[in-house]
Amino acid sequence: MKRAIAFAGAVVAGALVFHTPASVPVHAQNRMNFPLVAPDTGHVALGLALRRLNVSGTFLQTAAHPDDEHNQLHAMFALGQGLRSVTVQTTRGAGGQNEIGPELFQDLAVLRTSELLAAHRLDSAEQYFTRAIDFGYSFDPPEIYAKWGRQEVIADFVRFIRMLRPDVVLTMSTQGRGGDRAHEATTMLTQEAFRAAADPTRFPEQIEEGLRPWQARKLYFTPNFG
């Protein structure tokens, strides 16, 4: 693993089982086609594939909503260093505001998920989600835990850590910045999942399914998001 941990300092400084929700029509005026910047054929694609052959590191970021991820880090790690780069969003952002279109709730979740996946066509990150539903703004972490399902979200994060086996995990902030305390809640749940993923007595049903305990080397926090 020549370069598996080489990116840890950059994280500090710079900072699936993919399932689609029920089909909801998205208004046509907000639909866009996003062509790939890096072609998936030809010498560029070959060069990117060869770069990954000598690298075995995995970078995982957890974020509360679509647009909370650090796309520049994913692009640097995945395209620049050949690492496996992954983001796990706690929610799909159904409870957010929309000042440029009519989509709200499920429509907005579909739209924001589509935008998120389009961004990953540029930064080459993999995308996963927990089962939590974005119910809107909250300034009370206990309310967020109750409505998300605290143990369920921790179990999802633990499953992704055990499945993806990241070397480094980056999450958000414990300071409650950005208004919505969902960011802080995501951070606290990630902290617990980071420890629980290495403990075979936590969520043993995952061990019975064939997943193995995994202890990531580092957990970092970022004061910013998006």
C-alpha atoms as a PDB file:
ATOM      1  CA  MET A   1       0.000   0.000   0.000  1.00  0.00           C
ATOM      2  CA  LYS A   2       2.347   2.674  -1.268  1.00  0.00           C
ATOM      3  CA  ARG A   3      -0.027   5.588  -1.267  1.00  0.00           C
ATOM      4  CA  ALA A   4      -2.934   4.402   0.854  1.00  0.00           C
ATOM      5  CA  ILE A   5      -2.381   6.895   3.653  1.00  0.00           C
ATOM      6  CA  ALA A   6      -0.647   9.671   1.724  1.00  0.00           C
ATOM      7  CA  PHE A   7      -3.837  11.676   1.554  1.00  0.00           C
ATOM      8  CA  ALA A   8      -4.510  12.008   5.311  1.00  0.00           C
ATOM      9  CA  GLY A   9      -2.705  15.345   5.668  1.00  0.00           C
ATOM     10  CA  ALA A  10      -4.572  16.772   2.713  1.00  0.00           C
ATOM     11  CA  VAL A  11      -7.863  15.920   4.375  1.00  0.00           C
ATOM     12  CA  VAL A  12      -6.907  17.881   7.478  1.00  0.00           C
ATOM     13  CA  ALA A  13      -5.646  20.833   5.491  1.00  0.00           C
ATOM     14  CA  GLY A  14      -8.330  20.899   2.851  1.00  0.00           C
ATOM     15  CA  ALA A  15     -11.078  20.493   4.401  1.00  0.00           C
ATOM     16  CA  LEU A  16     -23.521   1.475  -2.568  1.00  0.00           C
ATOM     17  CA  VAL A  17     -25.987  -0.347  -2.108  1.00  0.00           C
ATOM     18  CA  PHE A  18     -27.539   2.531  -3.986  1.00  0.00           C
ATOM     19  CA  HIS A  19     -31.318   2.499  -3.920  1.00  0.00           C
ATOM     20  CA  THR A  20     -33.591   4.974  -5.711  1.00  0.00           C
ATOM     21  CA  PRO A  21     -36.720   6.306  -3.977  1.00  0.00           C
ATOM     22  CA  ALA A  22     -40.152   5.806  -5.446  1.00  0.00           C
ATOM     23  CA  SER A  23     -40.430   7.319  -8.895  1.00  0.00           C
ATOM     24  CA  VAL A  24     -41.523  10.945  -8.680  1.00  0.00           C
ATOM     25  CA  PRO A  25     -41.803  13.266 -11.694  1.00  0.00           C
ATOM     26  CA  VAL A  26     -39.204  16.006 -11.759  1.00  0.00           C
ATOM     27  CA  HIS A  27     -40.145  19.203 -13.525  1.00  0.00           C
ATOM     28  CA  ALA A  28     -38.568  19.441 -16.945  1.00  0.00           C
ATOM     29  CA  GLN A  29     -37.168  22.944 -16.526  1.00  0.00           C
ATOM     30  CA  ASN A  30     -34.718  21.664 -13.916  1.00  0.00           C
ATOM     31  CA  ARG A  31     -33.490  18.652 -15.866  1.00  0.00           C
ATOM     32  CA  MET A  32     -29.988  18.836 -17.272  1.00  0.00           C
ATOM     33  CA  ASN A  33     -27.689  16.467 -19.073  1.00  0.00           C
ATOM     34  CA  PHE A  34     -24.174  16.276 -17.652  1.00  0.00           C
ATOM     35  CA  PRO A  35     -21.578  14.835 -20.049  1.00  0.00           C
ATOM     36  CA  LEU A  36     -18.524  13.146 -18.609  1.00  0.00           C
ATOM     37  CA  VAL A  37     -15.506  15.430 -18.431  1.00  0.00           C
ATOM     38  CA  ALA A  38     -13.037  12.557 -18.445  1.00  0.00           C
ATOM     39  CA  PRO A  39     -13.886  10.126 -21.255  1.00  0.00           C
ATOM     40  CA  ASP A  40     -14.451   6.526 -20.264  1.00  0.00           C
ATOM     41  CA  THR A  41     -12.551   5.335 -23.327  1.00  0.00           C
ATOM     42  CA  GLY A  42      -9.248   6.182 -24.943  1.00  0.00           C
ATOM     43  CA  HIS A  43      -5.847   7.020 -23.526  1.00  0.00           C
ATOM     44  CA  VAL A  44      -7.165   9.223 -20.689  1.00  0.00           C
ATOM     45  CA  ALA A  45      -9.350   6.440 -19.330  1.00  0.00           C
ATOM     46  CA  LEU A  46      -6.485   3.981 -19.706  1.00  0.00           C
ATOM     47  CA  GLY A  47      -4.143   6.286 -17.802  1.00  0.00           C
ATOM     48  CA  LEU A  48      -6.629   6.674 -14.946  1.00  0.00           C
ATOM     49  CA  ALA A  49      -7.146   2.918 -14.776  1.00  0.00           C
ATOM     50  CA  LEU A  50      -3.399   2.252 -14.683  1.00  0.00           C
ATOM     51  CA  ARG A  51      -2.977   4.822 -11.917  1.00  0.00           C
ATOM     52  CA  ARG A  52      -5.287   2.782  -9.684  1.00  0.00           C
ATOM     53  CA  LEU A  53      -3.298  -0.434 -10.075  1.00  0.00           C
ATOM     54  CA  ASN A  54      -0.614   0.641  -7.601  1.00  0.00           C
ATOM     55  CA  VAL A  55      -3.025   2.108  -5.028  1.00  0.00           C
ATOM     56  CA  SER A  56      -5.192   0.325  -2.470  1.00  0.00           C
ATOM     57  CA  GLY A  57      -6.351   3.186  -0.245  1.00  0.00           C
ATOM     58  CA  THR A  58      -9.982   4.152   0.359  1.00  0.00           C
ATOM     59  CA  PHE A  59     -11.284   7.554   1.479  1.00  0.00           C
ATOM     60  CA  LEU A  60     -14.799   7.810   2.945  1.00  0.00           C
ATOM     61  CA  GLN A  61     -16.725  10.992   3.694  1.00  0.00           C
ATOM     62  CA  THR A  62     -20.014  11.177   5.598  1.00  0.00           C
ATOM     63  CA  ALA A  63     -22.305  14.170   5.085  1.00  0.00           C
ATOM     64  CA  ALA A  64     -25.822  15.129   6.118  1.00  0.00           C
ATOM     65  CA  HIS A  65     -27.304  16.215   2.781  1.00  0.00           C
ATOM     66  CA  PRO A  66     -26.491  16.419  -0.919  1.00  0.00           C
ATOM     67  CA  ASP A  67     -24.104  19.393  -1.438  1.00  0.00           C
ATOM     68  CA  ASP A  68     -22.405  18.839   1.956  1.00  0.00           C
ATOM     69  CA  GLU A  69     -19.707  16.674   0.365  1.00  0.00           C
ATOM     70  CA  HIS A  70     -16.249  17.952  -0.647  1.00  0.00           C
ATOM     71  CA  ASN A  71     -16.145  17.320  -4.386  1.00  0.00           C
ATOM     72  CA  GLN A  72     -12.670  18.802  -4.736  1.00  0.00           C
ATOM     73  CA  LEU A  73     -11.259  16.211  -2.327  1.00  0.00           C
ATOM     74  CA  HIS A  74     -12.996  13.375  -4.132  1.00  0.00           C
ATOM     75  CA  ALA A  75     -11.635  14.561  -7.473  1.00  0.00           C
ATOM     76  CA  MET A  76      -8.113  14.870  -6.071  1.00  0.00           C
ATOM     77  CA  PHE A  77      -8.162  11.453  -4.423  1.00  0.00           C
ATOM     78  CA  ALA A  78     -10.009   9.498  -7.134  1.00  0.00           C
ATOM     79  CA  LEU A  79      -8.635  11.129 -10.282  1.00  0.00           C
ATOM     80  CA  GLY A  80      -5.403  12.633  -8.992  1.00  0.00           C
ATOM     81  CA  GLN A  81      -4.169   9.820  -6.754  1.00  0.00           C
ATOM     82  CA  GLY A  82      -6.121   6.808  -7.972  1.00  0.00           C
ATOM     83  CA  LEU A  83      -7.761   6.124  -4.609  1.00  0.00           C
ATOM     84  CA  ARG A  84     -11.212   4.712  -4.072  1.00  0.00           C
ATOM     85  CA  SER A  85     -13.233   7.730  -2.961  1.00  0.00           C
ATOM     86  CA  VAL A  86     -16.699   7.350  -1.440  1.00  0.00           C
ATOM     87  CA  THR A  87     -19.334   9.602   0.107  1.00  0.00           C
ATOM     88  CA  VAL A  88     -22.252   8.533   2.297  1.00  0.00           C
ATOM     89  CA  GLN A  89     -25.068  11.038   2.694  1.00  0.00           C
ATOM     90  CA  THR A  90     -27.312  10.585   5.717  1.00  0.00           C
ATOM     91  CA  THR A  91     -30.326  11.888   3.761  1.00  0.00           C
ATOM     92  CA  ARG A  92     -31.316  12.819   0.219  1.00  0.00           C
ATOM     93  CA  GLY A  93     -32.237  16.392   1.199  1.00  0.00           C
ATOM     94  CA  ALA A  94     -36.024  16.208   0.888  1.00  0.00           C
ATOM     95  CA  GLY A  95     -36.506  18.741   3.686  1.00  0.00           C
ATOM     96  CA  GLY A  96     -34.446  21.496   2.097  1.00  0.00           C
ATOM     97  CA  GLN A  97     -35.586  24.772   0.568  1.00  0.00           C
ATOM     98  CA  ASN A  98     -35.866  25.445  -3.158  1.00  0.00           C
ATOM     99  CA  GLU A  99     -35.726  29.080  -4.274  1.00  0.00           C
ATOM    100  CA  ILE A 100     -35.227  28.394  -7.995  1.00  0.00           C
ATOM    101  CA  GLY A 101     -37.929  25.843  -8.780  1.00  0.00           C
ATOM    102  CA  PRO A 102     -41.197  24.259  -7.632  1.00  0.00           C
ATOM    103  CA  GLU A 103     -39.773  20.932  -6.425  1.00  0.00           C
ATOM    104  CA  LEU A 104     -40.304  20.149  -2.744  1.00  0.00           C
ATOM    105  CA  PHE A 105     -40.142  17.057  -0.544  1.00  0.00           C
ATOM    106  CA  GLN A 106     -39.903  13.885  -2.664  1.00  0.00           C
ATOM    107  CA  ASP A 107     -39.504  15.880  -5.879  1.00  0.00           C
ATOM    108  CA  LEU A 108     -36.659  17.821  -4.278  1.00  0.00           C
ATOM    109  CA  ALA A 109     -35.019  14.627  -2.992  1.00  0.00           C
ATOM    110  CA  VAL A 110     -35.051  13.173  -6.505  1.00  0.00           C
ATOM    111  CA  LEU A 111     -33.647  16.390  -7.966  1.00  0.00           C
ATOM    112  CA  ARG A 112     -30.878  16.718  -5.371  1.00  0.00           C
ATOM    113  CA  THR A 113     -29.963  13.054  -5.734  1.00  0.00           C
ATOM    114  CA  SER A 114     -29.702  13.516  -9.507  1.00  0.00           C
ATOM    115  CA  GLU A 115     -27.482  16.575  -9.052  1.00  0.00           C
ATOM    116  CA  LEU A 116     -25.298  14.655  -6.612  1.00  0.00           C
ATOM    117  CA  LEU A 117     -24.822  11.751  -9.005  1.00  0.00           C
ATOM    118  CA  ALA A 118     -24.089  14.197 -11.823  1.00  0.00           C
ATOM    119  CA  ALA A 119     -21.339  15.770  -9.689  1.00  0.00           C
ATOM    120  CA  HIS A 120     -19.798  12.339  -9.179  1.00  0.00           C
ATOM    121  CA  ARG A 121     -19.524  11.943 -12.939  1.00  0.00           C
ATOM    122  CA  LEU A 122     -16.971  14.725 -12.587  1.00  0.00           C
ATOM    123  CA  ASP A 123     -15.199  13.772  -9.336  1.00  0.00           C
ATOM    124  CA  SER A 124     -15.453   9.948  -9.762  1.00  0.00           C
ATOM    125  CA  ALA A 125     -16.696   9.331  -6.207  1.00  0.00           C
ATOM    126  CA  GLU A 126     -19.002   6.456  -5.304  1.00  0.00           C
ATOM    127  CA  GLN A 127     -22.289   7.388  -3.638  1.00  0.00           C
ATOM    128  CA  TYR A 128     -24.309   5.728  -0.857  1.00  0.00           C
ATOM    129  CA  PHE A 129     -27.161   6.799   1.434  1.00  0.00           C
ATOM    130  CA  THR A 130     -28.452   5.770   4.839  1.00  0.00           C
ATOM    131  CA  ARG A 131     -32.128   5.061   5.356  1.00  0.00           C
ATOM    132  CA  ALA A 132     -32.774   8.384   7.172  1.00  0.00           C
ATOM    133  CA  ILE A 133     -35.479  10.702   5.821  1.00  0.00           C
ATOM    134  CA  ASP A 134     -34.818  14.451   5.760  1.00  0.00           C
ATOM    135  CA  PHE A 135     -37.792  15.920   7.635  1.00  0.00           C
ATOM    136  CA  GLY A 136     -36.620  19.544   7.498  1.00  0.00           C
ATOM    137  CA  TYR A 137     -34.636  21.924   9.692  1.00  0.00           C
ATOM    138  CA  SER A 138     -34.113  21.108  13.337  1.00  0.00           C
ATOM    139  CA  PHE A 139     -32.086  22.812  16.048  1.00  0.00           C
ATOM    140  CA  ASP A 140     -32.402  19.860  18.437  1.00  0.00           C
ATOM    141  CA  PRO A 141     -30.128  16.826  17.891  1.00  0.00           C
ATOM    142  CA  PRO A 142     -32.299  14.521  20.081  1.00  0.00           C
ATOM    143  CA  GLU A 143     -35.260  15.310  17.816  1.00  0.00           C
ATOM    144  CA  ILE A 144     -33.122  14.469  14.792  1.00  0.00           C
ATOM    145  CA  TYR A 145     -32.030  11.152  16.300  1.00  0.00           C
ATOM    146  CA  ALA A 146     -35.635  10.253  17.109  1.00  0.00           C
ATOM    147  CA  LYS A 147     -36.955  11.035  13.627  1.00  0.00           C
ATOM    148  CA  TRP A 148     -34.024   9.516  11.735  1.00  0.00           C
ATOM    149  CA  GLY A 149     -33.787   6.433  13.920  1.00  0.00           C
ATOM    150  CA  ARG A 150     -30.520   6.735  15.808  1.00  0.00           C
ATOM    151  CA  GLN A 151     -29.540   3.075  15.965  1.00  0.00           C
ATOM    152  CA  GLU A 152     -30.670   2.474  12.394  1.00  0.00           C
ATOM    153  CA  VAL A 153     -28.437   5.237  11.016  1.00  0.00           C
ATOM    154  CA  ILE A 154     -25.476   4.075  13.103  1.00  0.00           C
ATOM    155  CA  ALA A 155     -26.063   0.562  11.773  1.00  0.00           C
ATOM    156  CA  ASP A 156     -26.033   1.900   8.208  1.00  0.00           C
ATOM    157  CA  PHE A 157     -22.771   3.779   8.756  1.00  0.00           C
ATOM    158  CA  VAL A 158     -21.236   0.696  10.390  1.00  0.00           C
ATOM    159  CA  ARG A 159     -22.321  -1.436   7.448  1.00  0.00           C
ATOM    160  CA  PHE A 160     -20.712   0.934   4.956  1.00  0.00           C
ATOM    161  CA  ILE A 161     -17.478   1.096   6.961  1.00  0.00           C
ATOM    162  CA  ARG A 162     -17.305  -2.699   7.201  1.00  0.00           C
ATOM    163  CA  MET A 163     -18.214  -3.122   3.550  1.00  0.00           C
ATOM    164  CA  LEU A 164     -15.960  -0.399   2.075  1.00  0.00           C
ATOM    165  CA  ARG A 165     -13.098  -0.737   4.622  1.00  0.00           C
ATOM    166  CA  PRO A 166     -11.829   2.867   4.410  1.00  0.00           C
ATOM    167  CA  ASP A 167      -8.390   3.915   5.615  1.00  0.00           C
ATOM    168  CA  VAL A 168      -9.575   7.423   6.504  1.00  0.00           C
ATOM    169  CA  VAL A 169     -13.038   8.753   7.353  1.00  0.00           C
ATOM    170  CA  LEU A 170     -13.913  12.450   7.061  1.00  0.00           C
ATOM    171  CA  THR A 171     -17.103  13.766   8.628  1.00  0.00           C
ATOM    172  CA  MET A 172     -18.578  17.166   9.444  1.00  0.00           C
ATOM    173  CA  SER A 173     -18.374  19.353  12.571  1.00  0.00           C
ATOM    174  CA  THR A 174     -19.545  19.039  16.163  1.00  0.00           C
ATOM    175  CA  GLN A 175     -20.013  22.809  16.443  1.00  0.00           C
ATOM    176  CA  GLY A 176     -23.571  22.997  15.103  1.00  0.00           C
ATOM    177  CA  ARG A 177     -22.554  25.380  12.331  1.00  0.00           C
ATOM    178  CA  GLY A 178     -24.678  26.021   9.277  1.00  0.00           C
ATOM    179  CA  GLY A 179     -27.962  26.398  11.206  1.00  0.00           C
ATOM    180  CA  ASP A 180     -29.396  22.920  10.730  1.00  0.00           C
ATOM    181  CA  ARG A 181     -28.123  20.627  13.501  1.00  0.00           C
ATOM    182  CA  ALA A 182     -28.371  17.648  11.141  1.00  0.00           C
ATOM    183  CA  HIS A 183     -24.710  18.313  10.347  1.00  0.00           C
ATOM    184  CA  GLU A 184     -23.775  17.927  14.000  1.00  0.00           C
ATOM    185  CA  ALA A 185     -25.996  14.844  14.329  1.00  0.00           C
ATOM    186  CA  THR A 186     -24.315  13.219  11.335  1.00  0.00           C
ATOM    187  CA  THR A 187     -20.928  13.877  12.908  1.00  0.00           C
ATOM    188  CA  MET A 188     -21.889  12.342  16.247  1.00  0.00           C
ATOM    189  CA  LEU A 189     -23.394   9.253  14.611  1.00  0.00           C
ATOM    190  CA  THR A 190     -20.306   8.857  12.434  1.00  0.00           C
ATOM    191  CA  GLN A 191     -18.094   9.018  15.522  1.00  0.00           C
ATOM    192  CA  GLU A 192     -20.016   6.190  17.145  1.00  0.00           C
ATOM    193  CA  ALA A 193     -20.060   4.140  13.943  1.00  0.00           C
ATOM    194  CA  PHE A 194     -16.300   4.620  13.537  1.00  0.00           C
ATOM    195  CA  ARG A 195     -15.779   2.833  16.868  1.00  0.00           C
ATOM    196  CA  ALA A 196     -18.614   0.335  16.515  1.00  0.00           C
ATOM    197  CA  ALA A 197     -17.464  -0.930  13.115  1.00  0.00           C
ATOM    198  CA  ALA A 198     -14.405  -2.501  14.770  1.00  0.00           C
ATOM    199  CA  ASP A 199     -16.419  -4.209  17.520  1.00  0.00           C
ATOM    200  CA  PRO A 200     -17.831  -7.616  16.497  1.00  0.00           C
ATOM    201  CA  THR A 201     -20.389  -7.421  19.313  1.00  0.00           C
ATOM    202  CA  ARG A 202     -22.007  -4.358  17.718  1.00  0.00           C
ATOM    203  CA  PHE A 203     -24.553  -5.169  15.024  1.00  0.00           C
ATOM    204  CA  PRO A 204     -23.609  -8.876  15.039  1.00  0.00           C
ATOM    205  CA  GLU A 205     -26.204  -9.598  12.357  1.00  0.00           C
ATOM    206  CA  GLN A 206     -23.819  -7.924   9.900  1.00  0.00           C
ATOM    207  CA  ILE A 207     -21.057 -10.305  10.976  1.00  0.00           C
ATOM    208  CA  GLU A 208     -23.423 -13.219  10.413  1.00  0.00           C
ATOM    209  CA  GLU A 209     -24.029 -11.904   6.890  1.00  0.00           C
ATOM    210  CA  GLY A 210     -20.303 -12.161   6.164  1.00  0.00           C
ATOM    211  CA  LEU A 211     -19.041  -8.648   6.885  1.00  0.00           C
ATOM    212  CA  ARG A 212     -15.953  -8.381   9.055  1.00  0.00           C
ATOM    213  CA  PRO A 213     -15.110  -5.808  11.734  1.00  0.00           C
ATOM    214  CA  TRP A 214     -13.057  -2.928  10.423  1.00  0.00           C
ATOM    215  CA  GLN A 215     -11.094  -0.203  12.176  1.00  0.00           C
ATOM    216  CA  ALA A 216     -10.342   2.769   9.956  1.00  0.00           C
ATOM    217  CA  ARG A 217      -7.014   4.391  10.789  1.00  0.00           C
ATOM    218  CA  LYS A 218      -8.155   7.990  11.186  1.00  0.00           C
ATOM    219  CA  LEU A 219     -11.326  10.008  11.708  1.00  0.00           C
ATOM    220  CA  TYR A 220     -11.168  13.685  10.734  1.00  0.00           C
ATOM    221  CA  PHE A 221     -13.611  16.556  11.135  1.00  0.00           C
ATOM    222  CA  THR A 222     -14.084  19.499   8.827  1.00  0.00           C
ATOM    223  CA  PRO A 223     -15.262  22.976   9.887  1.00  0.00           C
ATOM    224  CA  ASN A 224     -16.757  23.551   6.447  1.00  0.00           C
ATOM    225  CA  PHE A 225     -19.087  21.664   4.162  1.00  0.00           C
ATOM    226  CA  GLY A 226     -20.049  21.721   0.496  1.00  0.00           C
END
